[in-house]
Amino acid sequence: MLGPNYSPNLGRNLTVTLLSLPIVHPPRGELPVLLSVPHSGRDYPDWLVAMAAAGKHSLVALEDPWVDRLVWRAVQQGCGAVIAQTPRAAIDCNRAEDEVDPSVVDGARRERISARARGGLGIVPARTQQHGYLWRRAITQGNLADRIDQAHRPYHDAIDGQINLLLDRFGCVLLLDCHSMPPPPSGIPPVVFGDCRGRTADGSLSREALAIANRCGFAAGLNDPFAGGYVIERHARPAHGVHALQIELDRRCYLDHALRSPGPGFDEAALLIEALAIGLGEALSGRQFATAAE
């Protein structure tokens, strides 16, 4: 069976491949922490590149470059992680399945479109500020369903599975959803946490995240301009012990001058992620113990 987005107009000799499943690092340590990295996938199949109006470089611009490598210290400490290999250009795991831009998918509904999809960044991104509209043609709803089945749902199923493992063991979980942002305007700190304005994590954890970032030498803010996306919205259940925070890190903190390759601040940023994972995991574990002891 042909894979997603096949069209004879793309060339009869084009080989269409399936999308990549996420990498899963099961938790091995003594802390109830799971990391999520949805936007660093770099496995670009030929059929996806062939559909890009401006070539592969326009699709690469959607990545959170090398954030999957920034989590290495935390994973080495035993924290669990779910890391997307499929590129965001093919399917955005930080969007709901119904966040569809009708300019990208034939026959998609044109009412009740989310603000993110209206802005060109739905479940299949439509455009970027730098490159404009990304695709040579719209895809079918069947193509979209294939991408969801092959990459989007496996990503969230993996997160659910690891959360359940941690809940069974610890009774609580901290999900840290890791992203990067282009250099922000003046006044926005280099680290921005999001807890969906208090809906996805206990306020004490959000405050502790700010304090940890400050101790690591990073100015940090909360919920402005990024309050959190679909990953934390979907998986957080604070009343049942599952807390979730999003982190956005200024790419200048860890990339080179061109913002494409690891730079001199890379290890310092990795140390920040490690400190957050350990510090928040310890804070949550202590809170859980105190509650159980009451």
C-alpha atoms as a PDB file:
ATOM      1  CA  MET A   1       0.000   0.000   0.000  1.00  0.00           C
ATOM      2  CA  LEU A   2       1.281   3.417  -0.859  1.00  0.00           C
ATOM      3  CA  GLY A   3       2.200   5.692   2.019  1.00  0.00           C
ATOM      4  CA  PRO A   4       0.899   9.172   2.868  1.00  0.00           C
ATOM      5  CA  ASN A   5       0.677  11.936   0.331  1.00  0.00           C
ATOM      6  CA  TYR A   6       1.287   9.795  -2.751  1.00  0.00           C
ATOM      7  CA  SER A   7       0.353  11.458  -5.998  1.00  0.00           C
ATOM      8  CA  PRO A   8       1.260  10.317  -9.500  1.00  0.00           C
ATOM      9  CA  ASN A   9       1.913  13.961 -10.308  1.00  0.00           C
ATOM     10  CA  LEU A  10       4.953  13.847  -8.039  1.00  0.00           C
ATOM     11  CA  GLY A  11       6.711  11.461 -10.418  1.00  0.00           C
ATOM     12  CA  ARG A  12       6.204   7.758 -11.006  1.00  0.00           C
ATOM     13  CA  ASN A  13       9.697   6.848  -9.784  1.00  0.00           C
ATOM     14  CA  LEU A  14       9.333   8.572  -6.403  1.00  0.00           C
ATOM     15  CA  THR A  15       9.507   6.110  -3.527  1.00  0.00           C
ATOM     16  CA  VAL A  16       7.017   6.917  -0.790  1.00  0.00           C
ATOM     17  CA  THR A  17       8.016   5.835   2.716  1.00  0.00           C
ATOM     18  CA  LEU A  18       6.266   5.658   6.034  1.00  0.00           C
ATOM     19  CA  LEU A  19       6.825   8.232   8.755  1.00  0.00           C
ATOM     20  CA  SER A  20       9.153   7.505  11.669  1.00  0.00           C
ATOM     21  CA  LEU A  21       7.960   6.408  15.071  1.00  0.00           C
ATOM     22  CA  PRO A  22       9.104   8.379  18.132  1.00  0.00           C
ATOM     23  CA  ILE A  23      12.171   7.440  20.131  1.00  0.00           C
ATOM     24  CA  VAL A  24      11.199   6.365  23.646  1.00  0.00           C
ATOM     25  CA  HIS A  25      13.617   6.399  26.587  1.00  0.00           C
ATOM     26  CA  PRO A  26      11.841   4.621  29.458  1.00  0.00           C
ATOM     27  CA  PRO A  27      12.448   6.176  32.889  1.00  0.00           C
ATOM     28  CA  ARG A  28      15.313   4.499  34.761  1.00  0.00           C
ATOM     29  CA  GLY A  29      15.875   6.789  37.711  1.00  0.00           C
ATOM     30  CA  GLU A  30      14.299   7.731  41.010  1.00  0.00           C
ATOM     31  CA  LEU A  31      12.373  10.780  39.813  1.00  0.00           C
ATOM     32  CA  PRO A  32       8.861  10.968  38.276  1.00  0.00           C
ATOM     33  CA  VAL A  33       9.915  13.008  35.240  1.00  0.00           C
ATOM     34  CA  LEU A  34       9.133  12.583  31.544  1.00  0.00           C
ATOM     35  CA  LEU A  35      10.549  14.828  28.817  1.00  0.00           C
ATOM     36  CA  SER A  36       8.721  15.484  25.541  1.00  0.00           C
ATOM     37  CA  VAL A  37      10.429  16.794  22.368  1.00  0.00           C
ATOM     38  CA  PRO A  38       7.850  17.099  19.568  1.00  0.00           C
ATOM     39  CA  HIS A  39       9.508  19.502  17.112  1.00  0.00           C
ATOM     40  CA  SER A  40      13.063  18.283  16.499  1.00  0.00           C
ATOM     41  CA  GLY A  41      12.396  15.462  14.031  1.00  0.00           C
ATOM     42  CA  ARG A  42      14.783  15.392  11.069  1.00  0.00           C
ATOM     43  CA  ASP A  43      13.690  12.283   9.105  1.00  0.00           C
ATOM     44  CA  TYR A  44      12.524  13.930   5.869  1.00  0.00           C
ATOM     45  CA  PRO A  45      11.144  11.363   3.392  1.00  0.00           C
ATOM     46  CA  ASP A  46      11.638  12.082  -0.301  1.00  0.00           C
ATOM     47  CA  TRP A  47       7.922  12.468  -0.943  1.00  0.00           C
ATOM     48  CA  LEU A  48       7.668  15.230   1.655  1.00  0.00           C
ATOM     49  CA  VAL A  49      10.622  17.158   0.222  1.00  0.00           C
ATOM     50  CA  ALA A  50       9.175  16.766  -3.299  1.00  0.00           C
ATOM     51  CA  MET A  51       5.977  18.473  -2.146  1.00  0.00           C
ATOM     52  CA  ALA A  52       7.795  21.507  -0.709  1.00  0.00           C
ATOM     53  CA  ALA A  53       7.459  24.497  -3.032  1.00  0.00           C
ATOM     54  CA  ALA A  54      10.755  26.013  -1.849  1.00  0.00           C
ATOM     55  CA  GLY A  55      12.647  22.791  -1.104  1.00  0.00           C
ATOM     56  CA  LYS A  56      13.785  21.100   2.081  1.00  0.00           C
ATOM     57  CA  HIS A  57      15.283  24.248   3.635  1.00  0.00           C
ATOM     58  CA  SER A  58      11.800  25.752   3.937  1.00  0.00           C
ATOM     59  CA  LEU A  59      10.672  22.721   5.944  1.00  0.00           C
ATOM     60  CA  VAL A  60      13.760  22.644   8.170  1.00  0.00           C
ATOM     61  CA  ALA A  61      12.854  26.184   9.271  1.00  0.00           C
ATOM     62  CA  LEU A  62       9.952  24.684  11.246  1.00  0.00           C
ATOM     63  CA  GLU A  63      12.233  22.618  13.496  1.00  0.00           C
ATOM     64  CA  ASP A  64      13.241  23.292  17.060  1.00  0.00           C
ATOM     65  CA  PRO A  65      16.850  22.580  16.095  1.00  0.00           C
ATOM     66  CA  TRP A  66      18.765  20.087  18.246  1.00  0.00           C
ATOM     67  CA  VAL A  67      16.425  20.252  21.217  1.00  0.00           C
ATOM     68  CA  ASP A  68      16.387  16.446  21.100  1.00  0.00           C
ATOM     69  CA  ARG A  69      20.098  16.588  21.951  1.00  0.00           C
ATOM     70  CA  LEU A  70      19.645  19.160  24.726  1.00  0.00           C
ATOM     71  CA  VAL A  71      17.824  16.595  26.853  1.00  0.00           C
ATOM     72  CA  TRP A  72      20.746  14.150  26.907  1.00  0.00           C
ATOM     73  CA  ARG A  73      21.929  15.048  30.398  1.00  0.00           C
ATOM     74  CA  ALA A  74      18.443  14.596  31.871  1.00  0.00           C
ATOM     75  CA  VAL A  75      18.029  11.255  30.078  1.00  0.00           C
ATOM     76  CA  GLN A  76      21.456  10.191  31.358  1.00  0.00           C
ATOM     77  CA  GLN A  77      20.171  10.900  34.866  1.00  0.00           C
ATOM     78  CA  GLY A  78      17.387   8.363  34.260  1.00  0.00           C
ATOM     79  CA  CYS A  79      14.538  10.649  33.226  1.00  0.00           C
ATOM     80  CA  GLY A  80      12.161   9.248  30.636  1.00  0.00           C
ATOM     81  CA  ALA A  81      11.775  10.915  27.247  1.00  0.00           C
ATOM     82  CA  VAL A  82       9.597  10.722  24.139  1.00  0.00           C
ATOM     83  CA  ILE A  83      11.258  12.322  21.103  1.00  0.00           C
ATOM     84  CA  ALA A  84       9.616  12.777  17.703  1.00  0.00           C
ATOM     85  CA  GLN A  85      11.640  11.670  14.681  1.00  0.00           C
ATOM     86  CA  THR A  86       9.022  12.718  12.136  1.00  0.00           C
ATOM     87  CA  PRO A  87       9.551  16.365  11.160  1.00  0.00           C
ATOM     88  CA  ARG A  88       7.051  18.972  12.205  1.00  0.00           C
ATOM     89  CA  ALA A  89       6.532  19.808   8.527  1.00  0.00           C
ATOM     90  CA  ALA A  90       4.858  16.412   8.010  1.00  0.00           C
ATOM     91  CA  ILE A  91       2.747  16.414  11.179  1.00  0.00           C
ATOM     92  CA  ASP A  92       2.867  18.618  14.262  1.00  0.00           C
ATOM     93  CA  CYS A  93       2.572  16.547  17.434  1.00  0.00           C
ATOM     94  CA  ASN A  94       1.946  19.732  19.434  1.00  0.00           C
ATOM     95  CA  ARG A  95      -1.411  20.288  17.703  1.00  0.00           C
ATOM     96  CA  ALA A  96      -4.783  18.634  18.158  1.00  0.00           C
ATOM     97  CA  GLU A  97      -5.996  16.349  15.399  1.00  0.00           C
ATOM     98  CA  ASP A  98      -8.720  18.826  14.426  1.00  0.00           C
ATOM     99  CA  GLU A  99      -6.405  21.864  14.150  1.00  0.00           C
ATOM    100  CA  VAL A 100      -6.516  21.740  10.355  1.00  0.00           C
ATOM    101  CA  ASP A 101      -5.855  24.607   7.961  1.00  0.00           C
ATOM    102  CA  PRO A 102      -8.251  24.118   5.003  1.00  0.00           C
ATOM    103  CA  SER A 103      -5.615  25.504   2.640  1.00  0.00           C
ATOM    104  CA  VAL A 104      -3.512  22.419   3.378  1.00  0.00           C
ATOM    105  CA  VAL A 105      -6.138  19.649   3.416  1.00  0.00           C
ATOM    106  CA  ASP A 106      -8.767  19.297   0.691  1.00  0.00           C
ATOM    107  CA  GLY A 107     -12.288  19.267   2.053  1.00  0.00           C
ATOM    108  CA  ALA A 108     -11.337  20.386   5.565  1.00  0.00           C
ATOM    109  CA  ARG A 109     -13.999  22.320   7.406  1.00  0.00           C
ATOM    110  CA  ARG A 110     -13.794  26.075   7.170  1.00  0.00           C
ATOM    111  CA  GLU A 111     -15.552  26.955  10.407  1.00  0.00           C
ATOM    112  CA  ARG A 112     -14.219  26.900  13.979  1.00  0.00           C
ATOM    113  CA  ILE A 113     -10.595  26.943  12.824  1.00  0.00           C
ATOM    114  CA  SER A 114      -8.167  27.370  15.712  1.00  0.00           C
ATOM    115  CA  ALA A 115      -6.047  30.509  15.917  1.00  0.00           C
ATOM    116  CA  ARG A 116      -2.911  28.416  15.414  1.00  0.00           C
ATOM    117  CA  ALA A 117      -4.268  26.808  12.234  1.00  0.00           C
ATOM    118  CA  ARG A 118      -5.493  30.202  10.991  1.00  0.00           C
ATOM    119  CA  GLY A 119      -1.962  31.488  11.479  1.00  0.00           C
ATOM    120  CA  GLY A 120      -0.552  28.762   9.223  1.00  0.00           C
ATOM    121  CA  LEU A 121       0.688  26.483  12.018  1.00  0.00           C
ATOM    122  CA  GLY A 122      -1.945  23.781  12.272  1.00  0.00           C
ATOM    123  CA  ILE A 123      -1.414  20.048  12.515  1.00  0.00           C
ATOM    124  CA  VAL A 124       0.175  20.239   9.044  1.00  0.00           C
ATOM    125  CA  PRO A 125       1.922  23.620   8.856  1.00  0.00           C
ATOM    126  CA  ALA A 126       0.859  25.728   5.895  1.00  0.00           C
ATOM    127  CA  ARG A 127       3.391  28.531   5.805  1.00  0.00           C
ATOM    128  CA  THR A 128       6.206  30.306   7.522  1.00  0.00           C
ATOM    129  CA  GLN A 129       6.923  34.025   7.688  1.00  0.00           C
ATOM    130  CA  GLN A 130      10.183  33.540   5.819  1.00  0.00           C
ATOM    131  CA  HIS A 131       9.076  31.179   3.035  1.00  0.00           C
ATOM    132  CA  GLY A 132       5.357  31.864   2.620  1.00  0.00           C
ATOM    133  CA  TYR A 133       3.074  28.988   1.587  1.00  0.00           C
ATOM    134  CA  LEU A 134       5.035  25.748   1.867  1.00  0.00           C
ATOM    135  CA  TRP A 135       3.357  23.225  -0.407  1.00  0.00           C
ATOM    136  CA  ARG A 136       2.918  22.606  -4.137  1.00  0.00           C
ATOM    137  CA  ARG A 137      -0.615  21.323  -3.557  1.00  0.00           C
ATOM    138  CA  ALA A 138      -3.050  20.431  -0.781  1.00  0.00           C
ATOM    139  CA  ILE A 139      -3.219  16.880   0.544  1.00  0.00           C
ATOM    140  CA  THR A 140      -6.288  14.678   0.877  1.00  0.00           C
ATOM    141  CA  GLN A 141      -8.028  13.904   4.133  1.00  0.00           C
ATOM    142  CA  GLY A 142      -6.821  10.315   3.689  1.00  0.00           C
ATOM    143  CA  ASN A 143      -3.239  11.571   3.520  1.00  0.00           C
ATOM    144  CA  LEU A 144      -3.765  13.493   6.761  1.00  0.00           C
ATOM    145  CA  ALA A 145      -5.284  10.429   8.429  1.00  0.00           C
ATOM    146  CA  ASP A 146      -2.222   8.375   7.406  1.00  0.00           C
ATOM    147  CA  ARG A 147       0.140  10.912   8.961  1.00  0.00           C
ATOM    148  CA  ILE A 148      -1.868  11.003  12.175  1.00  0.00           C
ATOM    149  CA  ASP A 149      -1.931   7.204  12.379  1.00  0.00           C
ATOM    150  CA  GLN A 150       1.766   6.804  11.622  1.00  0.00           C
ATOM    151  CA  ALA A 151       3.314   9.557  13.736  1.00  0.00           C
ATOM    152  CA  HIS A 152       0.910  11.747  15.738  1.00  0.00           C
ATOM    153  CA  ARG A 153      -1.005   9.078  17.624  1.00  0.00           C
ATOM    154  CA  PRO A 154       2.077   6.916  18.296  1.00  0.00           C
ATOM    155  CA  TYR A 155       3.749   9.973  19.828  1.00  0.00           C
ATOM    156  CA  HIS A 156       0.897  10.631  22.231  1.00  0.00           C
ATOM    157  CA  ASP A 157       0.357   6.934  22.918  1.00  0.00           C
ATOM    158  CA  ALA A 158       4.029   6.747  23.936  1.00  0.00           C
ATOM    159  CA  ILE A 159       3.611   9.696  26.297  1.00  0.00           C
ATOM    160  CA  ASP A 160       0.501   8.093  27.812  1.00  0.00           C
ATOM    161  CA  GLY A 161       2.364   4.821  28.294  1.00  0.00           C
ATOM    162  CA  GLN A 162       5.335   6.409  30.046  1.00  0.00           C
ATOM    163  CA  ILE A 163       3.090   8.592  32.222  1.00  0.00           C
ATOM    164  CA  ASN A 164       1.183   5.499  33.339  1.00  0.00           C
ATOM    165  CA  LEU A 165       4.440   3.729  34.224  1.00  0.00           C
ATOM    166  CA  LEU A 166       5.531   6.682  36.344  1.00  0.00           C
ATOM    167  CA  LEU A 167       2.122   7.015  37.996  1.00  0.00           C
ATOM    168  CA  ASP A 168       2.155   3.353  38.941  1.00  0.00           C
ATOM    169  CA  ARG A 169       5.593   3.721  40.498  1.00  0.00           C
ATOM    170  CA  PHE A 170       5.509   7.187  42.066  1.00  0.00           C
ATOM    171  CA  GLY A 171       1.869   8.284  42.143  1.00  0.00           C
ATOM    172  CA  CYS A 172       2.788  11.542  40.380  1.00  0.00           C
ATOM    173  CA  VAL A 173       4.443  12.758  37.172  1.00  0.00           C
ATOM    174  CA  LEU A 174       6.071  15.915  35.842  1.00  0.00           C
ATOM    175  CA  LEU A 175       5.913  16.199  32.040  1.00  0.00           C
ATOM    176  CA  LEU A 176       8.380  18.767  30.681  1.00  0.00           C
ATOM    177  CA  ASP A 177       7.616  19.621  27.048  1.00  0.00           C
ATOM    178  CA  CYS A 178      10.778  21.046  25.462  1.00  0.00           C
ATOM    179  CA  HIS A 179      10.850  23.654  22.670  1.00  0.00           C
ATOM    180  CA  SER A 180      12.996  26.460  21.320  1.00  0.00           C
ATOM    181  CA  MET A 181      12.054  29.878  20.008  1.00  0.00           C
ATOM    182  CA  PRO A 182      13.622  32.268  17.502  1.00  0.00           C
ATOM    183  CA  PRO A 183      15.333  35.268  19.096  1.00  0.00           C
ATOM    184  CA  PRO A 184      12.430  37.051  20.784  1.00  0.00           C
ATOM    185  CA  PRO A 185      11.706  40.782  20.827  1.00  0.00           C
ATOM    186  CA  SER A 186      13.256  42.944  23.507  1.00  0.00           C
ATOM    187  CA  GLY A 187      11.657  42.417  26.886  1.00  0.00           C
ATOM    188  CA  ILE A 188      10.993  38.691  26.508  1.00  0.00           C
ATOM    189  CA  PRO A 189      13.377  36.577  28.586  1.00  0.00           C
ATOM    190  CA  PRO A 190      15.423  33.766  27.032  1.00  0.00           C
ATOM    191  CA  VAL A 191      13.433  31.120  28.901  1.00  0.00           C
ATOM    192  CA  VAL A 192       9.634  31.063  28.946  1.00  0.00           C
ATOM    193  CA  PHE A 193       7.647  28.449  30.839  1.00  0.00           C
ATOM    194  CA  GLY A 194       4.005  27.716  30.143  1.00  0.00           C
ATOM    195  CA  ASP A 195       1.430  26.040  32.356  1.00  0.00           C
ATOM    196  CA  CYS A 196      -1.646  27.124  30.375  1.00  0.00           C
ATOM    197  CA  ARG A 197      -2.126  29.908  32.904  1.00  0.00           C
ATOM    198  CA  GLY A 198      -2.277  27.573  35.873  1.00  0.00           C
ATOM    199  CA  ARG A 199      -4.315  24.754  34.334  1.00  0.00           C
ATOM    200  CA  THR A 200      -1.603  22.144  33.715  1.00  0.00           C
ATOM    201  CA  ALA A 201       0.622  22.331  36.796  1.00  0.00           C
ATOM    202  CA  ASP A 202       0.493  23.292  40.436  1.00  0.00           C
ATOM    203  CA  GLY A 203       1.626  26.876  40.906  1.00  0.00           C
ATOM    204  CA  SER A 204       4.426  25.810  43.242  1.00  0.00           C
ATOM    205  CA  LEU A 205       6.037  23.803  40.412  1.00  0.00           C
ATOM    206  CA  SER A 206       5.836  26.730  38.003  1.00  0.00           C
ATOM    207  CA  ARG A 207       7.424  29.013  40.575  1.00  0.00           C
ATOM    208  CA  GLU A 208      10.143  26.458  41.240  1.00  0.00           C
ATOM    209  CA  ALA A 209      10.862  26.240  37.497  1.00  0.00           C
ATOM    210  CA  LEU A 210      11.426  30.002  37.421  1.00  0.00           C
ATOM    211  CA  ALA A 211      13.711  29.784  40.449  1.00  0.00           C
ATOM    212  CA  ILE A 212      15.766  26.941  38.963  1.00  0.00           C
ATOM    213  CA  ALA A 213      16.255  28.836  35.711  1.00  0.00           C
ATOM    214  CA  ASN A 214      17.399  31.902  37.645  1.00  0.00           C
ATOM    215  CA  ARG A 215      19.860  29.858  39.688  1.00  0.00           C
ATOM    216  CA  CYS A 216      21.272  28.476  36.420  1.00  0.00           C
ATOM    217  CA  GLY A 217      21.818  32.033  35.169  1.00  0.00           C
ATOM    218  CA  PHE A 218      18.794  32.319  32.857  1.00  0.00           C
ATOM    219  CA  ALA A 219      16.186  35.058  33.096  1.00  0.00           C
ATOM    220  CA  ALA A 220      12.778  33.394  32.822  1.00  0.00           C
ATOM    221  CA  GLY A 221       9.110  34.244  32.488  1.00  0.00           C
ATOM    222  CA  LEU A 222       5.802  32.430  32.754  1.00  0.00           C
ATOM    223  CA  ASN A 223       2.977  32.171  30.178  1.00  0.00           C
ATOM    224  CA  ASP A 224       3.987  35.244  28.179  1.00  0.00           C
ATOM    225  CA  PRO A 225       4.135  35.017  25.220  1.00  0.00           C
ATOM    226  CA  PHE A 226       3.886  31.192  25.278  1.00  0.00           C
ATOM    227  CA  ALA A 227       1.334  29.696  27.653  1.00  0.00           C
ATOM    228  CA  GLY A 228       1.662  26.113  26.407  1.00  0.00           C
ATOM    229  CA  GLY A 229       0.427  23.941  23.565  1.00  0.00           C
ATOM    230  CA  TYR A 230      -1.438  20.740  22.868  1.00  0.00           C
ATOM    231  CA  VAL A 231       1.078  18.344  24.441  1.00  0.00           C
ATOM    232  CA  ILE A 232       0.654  19.717  27.945  1.00  0.00           C
ATOM    233  CA  GLU A 233      -3.032  20.522  27.426  1.00  0.00           C
ATOM    234  CA  ARG A 234      -3.732  16.917  26.468  1.00  0.00           C
ATOM    235  CA  HIS A 235      -1.678  15.041  29.032  1.00  0.00           C
ATOM    236  CA  ALA A 236      -1.830  17.159  32.194  1.00  0.00           C
ATOM    237  CA  ARG A 237      -4.181  16.040  34.958  1.00  0.00           C
ATOM    238  CA  PRO A 238      -2.996  17.957  38.030  1.00  0.00           C
ATOM    239  CA  ALA A 239      -5.866  16.700  40.178  1.00  0.00           C
ATOM    240  CA  HIS A 240      -4.660  13.149  39.476  1.00  0.00           C
ATOM    241  CA  GLY A 241      -0.959  13.863  39.983  1.00  0.00           C
ATOM    242  CA  VAL A 242       0.085  14.556  36.365  1.00  0.00           C
ATOM    243  CA  HIS A 243       1.609  18.038  36.063  1.00  0.00           C
ATOM    244  CA  ALA A 244       2.931  19.465  32.791  1.00  0.00           C
ATOM    245  CA  LEU A 245       5.081  22.456  31.895  1.00  0.00           C
ATOM    246  CA  GLN A 246       6.243  23.732  28.531  1.00  0.00           C
ATOM    247  CA  ILE A 247       9.666  25.351  28.163  1.00  0.00           C
ATOM    248  CA  GLU A 248      10.701  27.641  25.319  1.00  0.00           C
ATOM    249  CA  LEU A 249      14.424  28.393  25.075  1.00  0.00           C
ATOM    250  CA  ASP A 250      15.907  31.228  22.996  1.00  0.00           C
ATOM    251  CA  ARG A 251      17.980  29.557  20.263  1.00  0.00           C
ATOM    252  CA  ARG A 252      20.793  32.034  20.800  1.00  0.00           C
ATOM    253  CA  CYS A 253      21.400  30.348  24.152  1.00  0.00           C
ATOM    254  CA  TYR A 254      22.590  27.076  22.621  1.00  0.00           C
ATOM    255  CA  LEU A 255      23.149  27.480  18.845  1.00  0.00           C
ATOM    256  CA  ASP A 256      25.857  29.110  16.753  1.00  0.00           C
ATOM    257  CA  HIS A 257      25.589  32.525  15.130  1.00  0.00           C
ATOM    258  CA  ALA A 258      23.623  31.108  12.182  1.00  0.00           C
ATOM    259  CA  LEU A 259      21.171  29.416  14.593  1.00  0.00           C
ATOM    260  CA  ARG A 260      21.556  26.035  12.892  1.00  0.00           C
ATOM    261  CA  SER A 261      24.324  24.120  14.707  1.00  0.00           C
ATOM    262  CA  PRO A 262      25.222  23.640  18.388  1.00  0.00           C
ATOM    263  CA  GLY A 263      27.121  26.646  19.717  1.00  0.00           C
ATOM    264  CA  PRO A 264      29.255  27.485  22.768  1.00  0.00           C
ATOM    265  CA  GLY A 265      26.228  27.662  25.083  1.00  0.00           C
ATOM    266  CA  PHE A 266      24.946  24.199  24.198  1.00  0.00           C
ATOM    267  CA  ASP A 267      26.125  22.373  27.295  1.00  0.00           C
ATOM    268  CA  GLU A 268      24.969  25.172  29.583  1.00  0.00           C
ATOM    269  CA  ALA A 269      21.476  24.824  28.098  1.00  0.00           C
ATOM    270  CA  ALA A 270      21.640  21.033  28.538  1.00  0.00           C
ATOM    271  CA  LEU A 271      22.585  21.615  32.178  1.00  0.00           C
ATOM    272  CA  LEU A 272      19.488  23.824  32.532  1.00  0.00           C
ATOM    273  CA  ILE A 273      17.213  21.040  31.240  1.00  0.00           C
ATOM    274  CA  GLU A 274      18.928  18.587  33.603  1.00  0.00           C
ATOM    275  CA  ALA A 275      18.539  20.966  36.556  1.00  0.00           C
ATOM    276  CA  LEU A 276      14.851  21.478  35.771  1.00  0.00           C
ATOM    277  CA  ALA A 277      14.200  17.751  35.455  1.00  0.00           C
ATOM    278  CA  ILE A 278      15.961  16.950  38.736  1.00  0.00           C
ATOM    279  CA  GLY A 279      14.755  19.980  40.684  1.00  0.00           C
ATOM    280  CA  LEU A 280      11.123  19.737  39.619  1.00  0.00           C
ATOM    281  CA  GLY A 281      11.117  15.971  40.029  1.00  0.00           C
ATOM    282  CA  GLU A 282      12.424  16.318  43.583  1.00  0.00           C
ATOM    283  CA  ALA A 283       9.930  19.081  44.350  1.00  0.00           C
ATOM    284  CA  LEU A 284       7.034  16.998  43.059  1.00  0.00           C
ATOM    285  CA  SER A 285       8.213  13.860  44.874  1.00  0.00           C
ATOM    286  CA  GLY A 286       8.529  15.805  48.126  1.00  0.00           C
ATOM    287  CA  ARG A 287       5.076  17.281  47.671  1.00  0.00           C
ATOM    288  CA  GLN A 288       3.614  13.841  46.986  1.00  0.00           C
ATOM    289  CA  PHE A 289       5.311  12.373  50.081  1.00  0.00           C
ATOM    290  CA  ALA A 290       4.053  15.211  52.265  1.00  0.00           C
ATOM    291  CA  THR A 291       0.495  14.707  51.002  1.00  0.00           C
ATOM    292  CA  ALA A 292       0.649  10.950  51.566  1.00  0.00           C
ATOM    293  CA  ALA A 293       1.942  11.483  55.116  1.00  0.00           C
ATOM    294  CA  GLU A 294      -0.944  13.736  56.144  1.00  0.00           C
END
